[in-house]
Amino acid sequence: MTKDSWDTHATWWQREFTRGADPEYEEQILPLVAGLISETGRALDIGCGEGQVARLLATRGIDVYGVDPAWNQISEAMYRSTGEAYGQASALALPFADEVFDTAVACLVFEHISAMKQAIGEVSRVLKTGGSFVFLLNHPLLQTPGSGWVEDHMSDPPNHYWRIGSYLVEQESLEEVQLGVHIPFVHRPLSEYINALVDNDLLVERMLEPPPPPGFLELNDSYKAAAQIPRLLVLSCRKR
């Protein structure tokens, strides 16, 4: 389902989230990736989409390979390539030998993968000992089904707060992120990610929960009201 969804909606993603269209990528995600990846050598971009993270890494002199299960994303990545290599592949079966990459990055990918633990195992397998894994997620607290910004006008003055759904319940849903665009999401608590990383010798060295960037807050007044609610979770890990 995930592969088919991203193939179907690839042009939507490319239009709305690349080439400067999305302030969260431009002001926050891409600068964070650039700041957290200091290694040279070989890097793997897992769920690379049309390649904007891979292209960023390539500008730093890194030998980058991007994989994605959706052909409509990979074909666009190859068209936009500045020298990176791309291939169609699932995170559940990475087509590489053991311990061949110095760095791996997954940007807003694993919340769309049902077999998350298997995919984490594959990341660890292809990373060299001492290699780094930069892992970016839609924050599990934000993404919990049933969560959202509430404006309670029954109180005087009106009360504004962030409602949290059933955070501890792992659940998969098909979300309409834009009119006619349905994308599968898997909510799981943060502990599920952390334990899967630890079980596969990927130790968290740094955790970031940055506030939404200014350009995103300017898009809607309701976003400004939730300026202290993190939308992004970043885990910087190292393989022991």
C-alpha atoms as a PDB file:
ATOM      1  CA  MET A   1       0.000   0.000   0.000  1.00  0.00           C
ATOM      2  CA  THR A   2       2.780   2.435   0.911  1.00  0.00           C
ATOM      3  CA  LYS A   3       4.620   1.963  -2.380  1.00  0.00           C
ATOM      4  CA  ASP A   4       1.442   2.405  -4.406  1.00  0.00           C
ATOM      5  CA  SER A   5       0.469   5.538  -2.466  1.00  0.00           C
ATOM      6  CA  TRP A   6       3.815   7.215  -3.059  1.00  0.00           C
ATOM      7  CA  ASP A   7       3.820   6.238  -6.724  1.00  0.00           C
ATOM      8  CA  THR A   8       0.304   7.647  -7.112  1.00  0.00           C
ATOM      9  CA  HIS A   9       1.045  10.860  -5.237  1.00  0.00           C
ATOM     10  CA  ALA A  10       4.675  11.425  -6.265  1.00  0.00           C
ATOM     11  CA  THR A  11       3.906  14.568  -8.258  1.00  0.00           C
ATOM     12  CA  TRP A  12       2.022  16.007  -5.255  1.00  0.00           C
ATOM     13  CA  TRP A  13       5.057  15.432  -3.040  1.00  0.00           C
ATOM     14  CA  GLN A  14       7.455  16.849  -5.594  1.00  0.00           C
ATOM     15  CA  ARG A  15       5.293  19.939  -6.091  1.00  0.00           C
ATOM     16  CA  GLU A  16       4.571  20.670  -2.417  1.00  0.00           C
ATOM     17  CA  PHE A  17       7.778  19.662  -0.625  1.00  0.00           C
ATOM     18  CA  THR A  18      10.781  20.158  -2.924  1.00  0.00           C
ATOM     19  CA  ARG A  19      12.669  22.907  -4.746  1.00  0.00           C
ATOM     20  CA  GLY A  20      12.019  25.423  -1.999  1.00  0.00           C
ATOM     21  CA  ALA A  21       8.230  24.963  -1.834  1.00  0.00           C
ATOM     22  CA  ASP A  22       8.112  23.789   1.780  1.00  0.00           C
ATOM     23  CA  PRO A  23       9.455  26.025   4.588  1.00  0.00           C
ATOM     24  CA  GLU A  24       9.951  23.111   6.976  1.00  0.00           C
ATOM     25  CA  TYR A  25      12.366  21.439   4.575  1.00  0.00           C
ATOM     26  CA  GLU A  26      14.129  24.648   3.604  1.00  0.00           C
ATOM     27  CA  GLU A  27      14.398  26.261   7.045  1.00  0.00           C
ATOM     28  CA  GLN A  28      14.697  23.222   9.284  1.00  0.00           C
ATOM     29  CA  ILE A  29      15.029  19.706   7.867  1.00  0.00           C
ATOM     30  CA  LEU A  30      17.774  20.255   5.295  1.00  0.00           C
ATOM     31  CA  PRO A  31      19.897  22.456   7.617  1.00  0.00           C
ATOM     32  CA  LEU A  32      19.551  19.881  10.406  1.00  0.00           C
ATOM     33  CA  VAL A  33      20.703  17.064   8.131  1.00  0.00           C
ATOM     34  CA  ALA A  34      23.649  19.149   6.951  1.00  0.00           C
ATOM     35  CA  GLY A  35      24.636  19.923  10.527  1.00  0.00           C
ATOM     36  CA  LEU A  36      24.364  16.365  11.832  1.00  0.00           C
ATOM     37  CA  ILE A  37      26.234  14.562   9.058  1.00  0.00           C
ATOM     38  CA  SER A  38      29.937  15.311   9.257  1.00  0.00           C
ATOM     39  CA  GLU A  39      31.336  12.048   7.880  1.00  0.00           C
ATOM     40  CA  THR A  40      32.536  11.738   4.323  1.00  0.00           C
ATOM     41  CA  GLY A  41      32.700   8.423   2.477  1.00  0.00           C
ATOM     42  CA  ARG A  42      29.541   6.589   1.397  1.00  0.00           C
ATOM     43  CA  ALA A  43      26.025   7.538   2.488  1.00  0.00           C
ATOM     44  CA  LEU A  44      22.677   5.829   2.002  1.00  0.00           C
ATOM     45  CA  ASP A  45      19.463   7.868   1.786  1.00  0.00           C
ATOM     46  CA  ILE A  46      16.617   5.499   2.683  1.00  0.00           C
ATOM     47  CA  GLY A  47      13.227   6.489   1.251  1.00  0.00           C
ATOM     48  CA  CYS A  48      14.946   9.209  -0.730  1.00  0.00           C
ATOM     49  CA  GLY A  49      11.879  10.364  -2.678  1.00  0.00           C
ATOM     50  CA  GLU A  50      12.971  12.662  -5.482  1.00  0.00           C
ATOM     51  CA  GLY A  51      16.403  13.068  -3.920  1.00  0.00           C
ATOM     52  CA  GLN A  52      16.596  16.461  -2.237  1.00  0.00           C
ATOM     53  CA  VAL A  53      18.405  15.113   0.860  1.00  0.00           C
ATOM     54  CA  ALA A  54      20.730  13.022  -1.310  1.00  0.00           C
ATOM     55  CA  ARG A  55      21.589  16.067  -3.431  1.00  0.00           C
ATOM     56  CA  LEU A  56      22.352  18.054  -0.298  1.00  0.00           C
ATOM     57  CA  LEU A  57      24.782  15.389   0.915  1.00  0.00           C
ATOM     58  CA  ALA A  58      26.426  15.220  -2.496  1.00  0.00           C
ATOM     59  CA  THR A  59      27.294  18.923  -2.259  1.00  0.00           C
ATOM     60  CA  ARG A  60      29.429  18.017   0.789  1.00  0.00           C
ATOM     61  CA  GLY A  61      31.579  15.637  -1.235  1.00  0.00           C
ATOM     62  CA  ILE A  62      29.802  12.510   0.007  1.00  0.00           C
ATOM     63  CA  ASP A  63      29.276   9.521  -2.293  1.00  0.00           C
ATOM     64  CA  VAL A  64      25.488   9.111  -2.042  1.00  0.00           C
ATOM     65  CA  TYR A  65      23.146   6.292  -2.988  1.00  0.00           C
ATOM     66  CA  GLY A  66      19.390   6.827  -2.653  1.00  0.00           C
ATOM     67  CA  VAL A  67      16.725   4.116  -2.541  1.00  0.00           C
ATOM     68  CA  ASP A  68      12.948   4.348  -2.624  1.00  0.00           C
ATOM     69  CA  PRO A  69      10.242   1.772  -3.407  1.00  0.00           C
ATOM     70  CA  ALA A  70       8.256   4.208  -5.582  1.00  0.00           C
ATOM     71  CA  TRP A  71       9.421   4.311  -9.203  1.00  0.00           C
ATOM     72  CA  ASN A  72       7.821   7.710  -9.821  1.00  0.00           C
ATOM     73  CA  GLN A  73      10.043   9.121  -7.107  1.00  0.00           C
ATOM     74  CA  ILE A  74      13.220   7.349  -8.223  1.00  0.00           C
ATOM     75  CA  SER A  75      12.766   8.325 -11.875  1.00  0.00           C
ATOM     76  CA  GLU A  76      12.443  11.989 -10.852  1.00  0.00           C
ATOM     77  CA  ALA A  77      15.468  11.670  -8.567  1.00  0.00           C
ATOM     78  CA  MET A  78      17.540  10.372 -11.463  1.00  0.00           C
ATOM     79  CA  TYR A  79      16.285  13.227 -13.666  1.00  0.00           C
ATOM     80  CA  ARG A  80      17.272  15.818 -11.026  1.00  0.00           C
ATOM     81  CA  SER A  81      20.516  14.064 -10.037  1.00  0.00           C
ATOM     82  CA  THR A  82      23.698  16.076  -9.695  1.00  0.00           C
ATOM     83  CA  GLY A  83      25.819  12.932  -9.580  1.00  0.00           C
ATOM     84  CA  GLU A  84      24.160  10.769  -6.935  1.00  0.00           C
ATOM     85  CA  ALA A  85      23.135   7.193  -7.710  1.00  0.00           C
ATOM     86  CA  TYR A  86      19.590   5.908  -7.212  1.00  0.00           C
ATOM     87  CA  GLY A  87      17.796   2.581  -7.228  1.00  0.00           C
ATOM     88  CA  GLN A  88      14.301   1.263  -6.602  1.00  0.00           C
ATOM     89  CA  ALA A  89      14.325  -0.769  -3.399  1.00  0.00           C
ATOM     90  CA  SER A  90      12.444  -1.306  -0.165  1.00  0.00           C
ATOM     91  CA  ALA A  91      13.876  -0.437   3.247  1.00  0.00           C
ATOM     92  CA  LEU A  92      12.946  -3.995   4.247  1.00  0.00           C
ATOM     93  CA  ALA A  93      15.463  -5.539   1.834  1.00  0.00           C
ATOM     94  CA  LEU A  94      18.292  -3.123   1.073  1.00  0.00           C
ATOM     95  CA  PRO A  95      20.232  -4.411  -1.979  1.00  0.00           C
ATOM     96  CA  PHE A  96      23.691  -3.986  -0.450  1.00  0.00           C
ATOM     97  CA  ALA A  97      26.313  -6.112   1.237  1.00  0.00           C
ATOM     98  CA  ASP A  98      26.919  -5.875   4.967  1.00  0.00           C
ATOM     99  CA  GLU A  99      28.764  -2.864   6.416  1.00  0.00           C
ATOM    100  CA  VAL A 100      29.316  -0.854   3.235  1.00  0.00           C
ATOM    101  CA  PHE A 101      28.061   2.619   4.271  1.00  0.00           C
ATOM    102  CA  ASP A 102      29.618   5.191   6.583  1.00  0.00           C
ATOM    103  CA  THR A 103      26.331   7.064   7.026  1.00  0.00           C
ATOM    104  CA  ALA A 104      22.623   6.421   6.607  1.00  0.00           C
ATOM    105  CA  VAL A 105      19.768   8.897   6.724  1.00  0.00           C
ATOM    106  CA  ALA A 106      16.008   8.381   6.741  1.00  0.00           C
ATOM    107  CA  CYS A 107      13.917  11.531   6.526  1.00  0.00           C
ATOM    108  CA  LEU A 108      10.207  11.224   7.389  1.00  0.00           C
ATOM    109  CA  VAL A 109      10.133   7.628   6.170  1.00  0.00           C
ATOM    110  CA  PHE A 110       9.764   5.127   9.013  1.00  0.00           C
ATOM    111  CA  GLU A 111       6.346   6.395  10.112  1.00  0.00           C
ATOM    112  CA  HIS A 112       5.123   4.976   6.780  1.00  0.00           C
ATOM    113  CA  ILE A 113       6.707   1.517   7.266  1.00  0.00           C
ATOM    114  CA  SER A 114       4.671  -1.224   8.937  1.00  0.00           C
ATOM    115  CA  ALA A 115       7.611  -3.603   9.494  1.00  0.00           C
ATOM    116  CA  MET A 116       9.699  -0.937  11.226  1.00  0.00           C
ATOM    117  CA  LYS A 117      11.906  -3.332  13.226  1.00  0.00           C
ATOM    118  CA  GLN A 118      12.909  -5.230  10.094  1.00  0.00           C
ATOM    119  CA  ALA A 119      13.827  -1.967   8.369  1.00  0.00           C
ATOM    120  CA  ILE A 120      15.931  -0.833  11.356  1.00  0.00           C
ATOM    121  CA  GLY A 121      17.730  -4.166  11.197  1.00  0.00           C
ATOM    122  CA  GLU A 122      18.559  -3.529   7.551  1.00  0.00           C
ATOM    123  CA  VAL A 123      19.955  -0.071   8.376  1.00  0.00           C
ATOM    124  CA  SER A 124      22.261  -1.602  10.973  1.00  0.00           C
ATOM    125  CA  ARG A 125      23.319  -4.393   8.626  1.00  0.00           C
ATOM    126  CA  VAL A 126      24.543  -2.089   5.849  1.00  0.00           C
ATOM    127  CA  LEU A 127      26.246   0.407   8.198  1.00  0.00           C
ATOM    128  CA  LYS A 128      29.895   0.032   9.128  1.00  0.00           C
ATOM    129  CA  THR A 129      30.776  -0.261  12.798  1.00  0.00           C
ATOM    130  CA  GLY A 130      31.070   3.311  14.036  1.00  0.00           C
ATOM    131  CA  GLY A 131      28.856   4.573  11.232  1.00  0.00           C
ATOM    132  CA  SER A 132      26.126   7.141  11.854  1.00  0.00           C
ATOM    133  CA  PHE A 133      22.386   7.022  11.286  1.00  0.00           C
ATOM    134  CA  VAL A 134      20.392  10.256  11.174  1.00  0.00           C
ATOM    135  CA  PHE A 135      16.746   9.404  11.759  1.00  0.00           C
ATOM    136  CA  LEU A 136      14.044  12.056  11.241  1.00  0.00           C
ATOM    137  CA  LEU A 137      10.397  11.407  12.099  1.00  0.00           C
ATOM    138  CA  ASN A 138       7.149  13.246  12.282  1.00  0.00           C
ATOM    139  CA  HIS A 139       7.022  13.587  16.058  1.00  0.00           C
ATOM    140  CA  PRO A 140       5.048  10.601  17.443  1.00  0.00           C
ATOM    141  CA  LEU A 141       3.271  12.856  19.922  1.00  0.00           C
ATOM    142  CA  LEU A 142       1.996  15.093  17.129  1.00  0.00           C
ATOM    143  CA  GLN A 143       1.069  12.217  14.846  1.00  0.00           C
ATOM    144  CA  THR A 144      -0.951  10.245  17.395  1.00  0.00           C
ATOM    145  CA  PRO A 145      -4.403   9.612  15.858  1.00  0.00           C
ATOM    146  CA  GLY A 146      -6.950  11.834  17.545  1.00  0.00           C
ATOM    147  CA  SER A 147      -4.407  14.497  18.433  1.00  0.00           C
ATOM    148  CA  GLY A 148      -4.855  18.083  17.354  1.00  0.00           C
ATOM    149  CA  TRP A 149      -5.225  21.708  18.263  1.00  0.00           C
ATOM    150  CA  VAL A 150      -8.440  22.441  20.183  1.00  0.00           C
ATOM    151  CA  GLU A 151     -10.139  25.807  20.612  1.00  0.00           C
ATOM    152  CA  ASP A 152     -12.591  25.465  23.476  1.00  0.00           C
ATOM    153  CA  HIS A 153     -15.076  28.340  23.212  1.00  0.00           C
ATOM    154  CA  MET A 154     -17.226  27.002  26.044  1.00  0.00           C
ATOM    155  CA  SER A 155     -14.888  28.645  28.555  1.00  0.00           C
ATOM    156  CA  ASP A 156     -14.459  32.380  29.107  1.00  0.00           C
ATOM    157  CA  PRO A 157     -11.956  33.363  27.910  1.00  0.00           C
ATOM    158  CA  PRO A 158     -11.718  30.597  25.259  1.00  0.00           C
ATOM    159  CA  ASN A 159      -9.221  27.870  26.112  1.00  0.00           C
ATOM    160  CA  HIS A 160      -6.645  26.691  23.571  1.00  0.00           C
ATOM    161  CA  TYR A 161      -4.756  23.438  24.008  1.00  0.00           C
ATOM    162  CA  TRP A 162      -3.201  20.472  22.210  1.00  0.00           C
ATOM    163  CA  ARG A 163      -5.203  17.269  22.566  1.00  0.00           C
ATOM    164  CA  ILE A 164      -3.243  13.994  22.615  1.00  0.00           C
ATOM    165  CA  GLY A 165      -4.867  10.808  21.337  1.00  0.00           C
ATOM    166  CA  SER A 166      -4.107   7.215  22.379  1.00  0.00           C
ATOM    167  CA  TYR A 167      -0.352   7.659  22.330  1.00  0.00           C
ATOM    168  CA  LEU A 168       0.564   4.208  23.656  1.00  0.00           C
ATOM    169  CA  VAL A 169      -1.512   2.327  21.070  1.00  0.00           C
ATOM    170  CA  GLU A 170       0.331   1.401  17.877  1.00  0.00           C
ATOM    171  CA  GLN A 171      -2.043   1.889  14.978  1.00  0.00           C
ATOM    172  CA  GLU A 172      -1.969   2.299  11.211  1.00  0.00           C
ATOM    173  CA  SER A 173      -4.224   4.717   9.405  1.00  0.00           C
ATOM    174  CA  LEU A 174      -4.793   6.095   5.917  1.00  0.00           C
ATOM    175  CA  GLU A 175      -4.754   9.868   6.285  1.00  0.00           C
ATOM    176  CA  GLU A 176      -6.046  12.446   3.835  1.00  0.00           C
ATOM    177  CA  VAL A 177      -3.183  14.955   3.982  1.00  0.00           C
ATOM    178  CA  GLN A 178      -4.652  17.054   1.193  1.00  0.00           C
ATOM    179  CA  LEU A 179      -7.889  16.828  -0.737  1.00  0.00           C
ATOM    180  CA  GLY A 180      -7.743  13.525  -2.621  1.00  0.00           C
ATOM    181  CA  VAL A 181      -4.261  12.611  -1.312  1.00  0.00           C
ATOM    182  CA  HIS A 182      -4.311   9.612   1.025  1.00  0.00           C
ATOM    183  CA  ILE A 183      -1.055   8.455   2.661  1.00  0.00           C
ATOM    184  CA  PRO A 184      -0.633   5.532   5.102  1.00  0.00           C
ATOM    185  CA  PHE A 185       0.853   6.432   8.487  1.00  0.00           C
ATOM    186  CA  VAL A 186       1.859   4.151  11.337  1.00  0.00           C
ATOM    187  CA  HIS A 187       1.740   5.677  14.788  1.00  0.00           C
ATOM    188  CA  ARG A 188       3.896   4.035  17.425  1.00  0.00           C
ATOM    189  CA  PRO A 189       5.264   5.431  20.695  1.00  0.00           C
ATOM    190  CA  LEU A 190       8.814   6.721  20.784  1.00  0.00           C
ATOM    191  CA  SER A 191       9.933   3.796  22.947  1.00  0.00           C
ATOM    192  CA  GLU A 192       9.251   1.416  20.031  1.00  0.00           C
ATOM    193  CA  TYR A 193      11.735   3.298  17.860  1.00  0.00           C
ATOM    194  CA  ILE A 194      14.357   3.635  20.593  1.00  0.00           C
ATOM    195  CA  ASN A 195      14.196  -0.046  21.543  1.00  0.00           C
ATOM    196  CA  ALA A 196      14.407  -1.152  17.902  1.00  0.00           C
ATOM    197  CA  LEU A 197      17.515   1.003  17.463  1.00  0.00           C
ATOM    198  CA  VAL A 198      19.158  -0.349  20.626  1.00  0.00           C
ATOM    199  CA  ASP A 199      18.297  -3.942  19.715  1.00  0.00           C
ATOM    200  CA  ASN A 200      20.199  -3.422  16.459  1.00  0.00           C
ATOM    201  CA  ASP A 201      23.313  -1.815  17.981  1.00  0.00           C
ATOM    202  CA  LEU A 202      22.287   1.713  16.977  1.00  0.00           C
ATOM    203  CA  LEU A 203      22.800   3.931  20.018  1.00  0.00           C
ATOM    204  CA  VAL A 204      21.218   7.373  20.237  1.00  0.00           C
ATOM    205  CA  GLU A 205      23.880  10.053  20.731  1.00  0.00           C
ATOM    206  CA  ARG A 206      21.630  13.071  20.379  1.00  0.00           C
ATOM    207  CA  MET A 207      17.882  13.756  20.300  1.00  0.00           C
ATOM    208  CA  LEU A 208      16.373  16.973  18.950  1.00  0.00           C
ATOM    209  CA  GLU A 209      12.804  18.304  19.168  1.00  0.00           C
ATOM    210  CA  PRO A 210      13.044  21.655  17.372  1.00  0.00           C
ATOM    211  CA  PRO A 211      10.122  24.091  17.371  1.00  0.00           C
ATOM    212  CA  PRO A 212       8.435  24.684  13.998  1.00  0.00           C
ATOM    213  CA  PRO A 213      10.417  27.154  11.857  1.00  0.00           C
ATOM    214  CA  PRO A 214       9.190  30.723  11.266  1.00  0.00           C
ATOM    215  CA  GLY A 215       8.217  30.130   7.637  1.00  0.00           C
ATOM    216  CA  PHE A 216       5.873  27.324   8.648  1.00  0.00           C
ATOM    217  CA  LEU A 217       4.261  29.350  11.437  1.00  0.00           C
ATOM    218  CA  GLU A 218       3.479  32.124   8.971  1.00  0.00           C
ATOM    219  CA  LEU A 219       1.359  29.799   6.845  1.00  0.00           C
ATOM    220  CA  ASN A 220      -1.597  29.805   9.222  1.00  0.00           C
ATOM    221  CA  ASP A 221      -2.624  31.621  12.421  1.00  0.00           C
ATOM    222  CA  SER A 222      -3.454  28.307  14.088  1.00  0.00           C
ATOM    223  CA  TYR A 223       0.133  27.165  13.494  1.00  0.00           C
ATOM    224  CA  LYS A 224       1.380  30.163  15.463  1.00  0.00           C
ATOM    225  CA  ALA A 225      -0.806  29.125  18.392  1.00  0.00           C
ATOM    226  CA  ALA A 226       0.972  25.741  18.425  1.00  0.00           C
ATOM    227  CA  ALA A 227       4.471  27.195  18.104  1.00  0.00           C
ATOM    228  CA  GLN A 228       5.728  25.271  21.152  1.00  0.00           C
ATOM    229  CA  ILE A 229       4.492  21.878  19.901  1.00  0.00           C
ATOM    230  CA  PRO A 230       7.310  19.982  18.127  1.00  0.00           C
ATOM    231  CA  ARG A 231       6.427  18.628  14.692  1.00  0.00           C
ATOM    232  CA  LEU A 232       9.802  16.973  14.130  1.00  0.00           C
ATOM    233  CA  LEU A 233      11.844  14.421  16.076  1.00  0.00           C
ATOM    234  CA  VAL A 234      15.495  13.868  15.167  1.00  0.00           C
ATOM    235  CA  LEU A 235      17.629  11.006  16.501  1.00  0.00           C
ATOM    236  CA  SER A 236      21.337  10.961  15.742  1.00  0.00           C
ATOM    237  CA  CYS A 237      22.652   7.423  16.243  1.00  0.00           C
ATOM    238  CA  ARG A 238      25.907   5.512  15.950  1.00  0.00           C
ATOM    239  CA  LYS A 239      26.454   1.828  15.287  1.00  0.00           C
ATOM    240  CA  ARG A 240      28.530   0.182  17.981  1.00  0.00           C
END
